[in-house]
C-alpha cells in the first residue's frame, strides 16, 4: 500500500487514430517506458509517476465528446469516488455516465478530466483496457 494520501494524478489519456505512431514518438523522443496495458486499440507507456495512454478515437468506454478532443485527458485518483461524483454533478461538470469506479468531468474552462477511485480503495474495474 502507498503512503500517499488524498488525490493523485492517474493515467494521462490522448485519443488518436495513430496511437502506435504517437506512442512511438513519446517512447523514442521523450523516453517513456513500456506500460502495463494489453489493449490492441491503445498504447500504454509509463513516465515513472503516471501512465500515458494513447487510445483509439473509437474507444467506446469514453464519451464521444471526451475522446474527440486533441489534447490530453489527465486522470485524478480520489478516495471517495461517489462523493467527488456528487460534487461534480452538483457543479454540472459531469460528462457521460458514472461507471462505479470512474467518470469524466469538464472543468470551468472546458478541459476534460477523468476521475477514478484510488487503487488502495478497491474496485472491480480493469484499468488495463
Protein backbone atom coordinates (compact mmCIF):
# COMPACT_ATOMS: atom_id res chain seq x y z
CA UNK A 1 0.00 0.00 0.00
CA UNK A 2 1.13 3.53 -0.74
CA UNK A 3 1.87 6.14 1.92
CA UNK A 4 0.42 8.83 -0.37
CA UNK A 5 -2.92 10.18 0.85
CA UNK A 6 -5.56 12.25 -0.96
CA UNK A 7 -5.95 12.97 -4.67
CA UNK A 8 -3.30 11.59 -7.00
CA UNK A 9 -2.63 12.04 -10.70
CA UNK A 10 -3.59 8.88 -12.59
CA UNK A 11 -3.17 7.96 -16.24
CA UNK A 12 -2.99 10.71 -18.85
CA UNK A 13 -5.03 9.83 -21.98
CA UNK A 14 -4.80 11.09 -25.54
CA UNK A 15 -7.07 9.88 -28.34
CA UNK A 16 -5.62 9.33 -31.80
CA UNK A 17 -6.13 7.03 -34.77
CA UNK A 18 -2.32 6.81 -34.88
CA UNK A 19 -1.87 5.60 -31.32
CA UNK A 20 1.10 3.30 -32.10
CA UNK A 21 3.00 6.01 -34.01
CA UNK A 22 2.15 8.66 -31.42
CA UNK A 23 3.23 6.38 -28.58
CA UNK A 24 6.43 5.70 -30.54
CA UNK A 25 7.21 9.43 -30.51
CA UNK A 26 6.81 9.64 -26.73
CA UNK A 27 8.80 6.43 -26.24
CA UNK A 28 11.65 7.31 -28.60
CA UNK A 29 11.87 11.09 -28.19
CA UNK A 30 10.74 11.63 -24.59
CA UNK A 31 11.98 8.28 -23.27
CA UNK A 32 8.77 6.91 -21.75
CA UNK A 33 8.93 3.22 -20.90
CA UNK A 34 6.57 0.40 -21.85
CA UNK A 35 3.29 0.40 -19.96
CA UNK A 36 1.09 -2.31 -18.50
CA UNK A 37 -1.95 -2.25 -20.81
CA UNK A 38 -2.64 -5.03 -23.29
CA UNK A 39 -5.45 -3.47 -25.36
CA UNK A 40 -4.72 -3.60 -29.13
CA UNK A 41 -6.63 -0.30 -29.52
CA UNK A 42 -4.40 1.54 -27.04
CA UNK A 43 -0.70 2.05 -26.39
CA UNK A 44 0.25 2.28 -22.69
CA UNK A 45 3.52 3.93 -21.66
CA UNK A 46 4.88 4.83 -18.25
CA UNK A 47 6.51 8.03 -17.05
CA UNK A 48 7.61 6.76 -13.65
CA UNK A 49 4.89 8.54 -11.70
CA UNK A 50 1.96 8.13 -14.12
CA UNK A 51 0.88 6.16 -17.17
CA UNK A 52 0.43 7.86 -20.53
CA UNK A 53 -2.12 6.10 -22.75
CA UNK A 54 -2.80 6.66 -26.44
CA UNK A 55 -6.29 5.31 -27.18
CA UNK A 56 -8.15 4.78 -30.42
CA UNK A 57 -10.71 7.55 -31.02
CA UNK A 58 -13.26 4.72 -31.31
CA UNK A 59 -12.85 3.73 -27.63
CA UNK A 60 -16.43 3.00 -26.51
CA UNK A 61 -15.66 3.25 -22.78
CA UNK A 62 -15.12 7.01 -23.14
CA UNK A 63 -17.85 9.55 -24.00
CA UNK A 64 -17.58 10.84 -27.61
CA UNK A 65 -17.04 14.45 -26.55
CA UNK A 66 -14.03 13.40 -24.43
CA UNK A 67 -12.40 11.11 -27.00
CA UNK A 68 -12.97 13.70 -29.76
CA UNK A 69 -10.56 16.25 -28.31
CA UNK A 70 -6.95 16.51 -29.46
CA UNK A 71 -5.40 17.33 -26.08
CA UNK A 72 -4.57 15.11 -23.13
CA UNK A 73 -7.05 13.87 -20.52
CA UNK A 74 -5.45 13.90 -17.08
CA UNK A 75 -6.85 11.40 -14.57
CA UNK A 76 -7.10 12.07 -10.85
CA UNK A 77 -7.37 9.30 -8.29
CA UNK A 78 -9.57 10.04 -5.28
CA UNK A 79 -10.52 8.07 -2.18
CA UNK A 80 -14.26 8.87 -2.23
CA UNK A 81 -15.31 8.45 -5.87
CA UNK A 82 -19.05 8.73 -5.14
CA UNK A 83 -18.60 11.90 -3.09
CA UNK A 84 -16.49 13.52 -5.81
CA UNK A 85 -19.01 12.42 -8.47
CA UNK A 86 -21.83 14.03 -6.45
CA UNK A 87 -19.84 17.29 -6.18
CA UNK A 88 -19.09 17.27 -9.93
CA UNK A 89 -22.74 16.56 -10.74
CA UNK A 90 -23.86 19.42 -8.48
CA UNK A 91 -21.43 21.69 -10.35
CA UNK A 92 -22.93 20.45 -13.67
CA UNK A 93 -19.46 19.26 -14.66
CA UNK A 94 -20.14 15.53 -15.26
CA UNK A 95 -19.69 14.22 -18.81
CA UNK A 96 -21.30 10.88 -19.64
CA UNK A 97 -22.17 8.22 -17.09
CA UNK A 98 -20.88 7.20 -13.67
CA UNK A 99 -19.16 3.83 -14.10
CA UNK A 100 -18.92 2.94 -10.40
CA UNK A 101 -15.19 3.50 -10.06
CA UNK A 102 -14.62 6.30 -12.57
CA UNK A 103 -16.29 9.11 -14.50
CA UNK A 104 -15.38 12.08 -16.67
CA UNK A 105 -15.86 15.76 -15.88
CA UNK A 106 -15.18 19.10 -17.50
CA UNK A 107 -13.54 22.00 -15.69
CA UNK A 108 -14.88 25.59 -15.96
CA UNK A 109 -12.59 26.32 -18.92
CA UNK A 110 -13.73 23.23 -20.82
CA UNK A 111 -10.85 20.80 -20.16
CA UNK A 112 -11.90 17.18 -19.74
CA UNK A 113 -10.55 15.16 -16.82
CA UNK A 114 -11.01 11.57 -15.74
CA UNK A 115 -11.62 10.83 -12.09
CA UNK A 116 -11.10 7.32 -10.72
CA UNK A 117 -11.03 5.67 -7.32
CA UNK A 118 -7.55 5.30 -5.84
CA UNK A 119 -6.31 1.72 -6.21
CA UNK A 120 -5.98 1.23 -2.43
CA UNK A 121 -9.75 1.58 -2.09
CA UNK A 122 -10.50 -1.43 -4.28
CA UNK A 123 -12.89 -1.85 -7.16
CA UNK A 124 -13.80 -4.35 -9.84
CA UNK A 125 -12.90 -2.39 -12.98
CA UNK A 126 -9.87 -3.38 -15.04
CA UNK A 127 -7.94 -0.19 -15.91
CA UNK A 128 -5.79 -2.09 -18.41
CA UNK A 129 -8.23 -1.67 -21.32
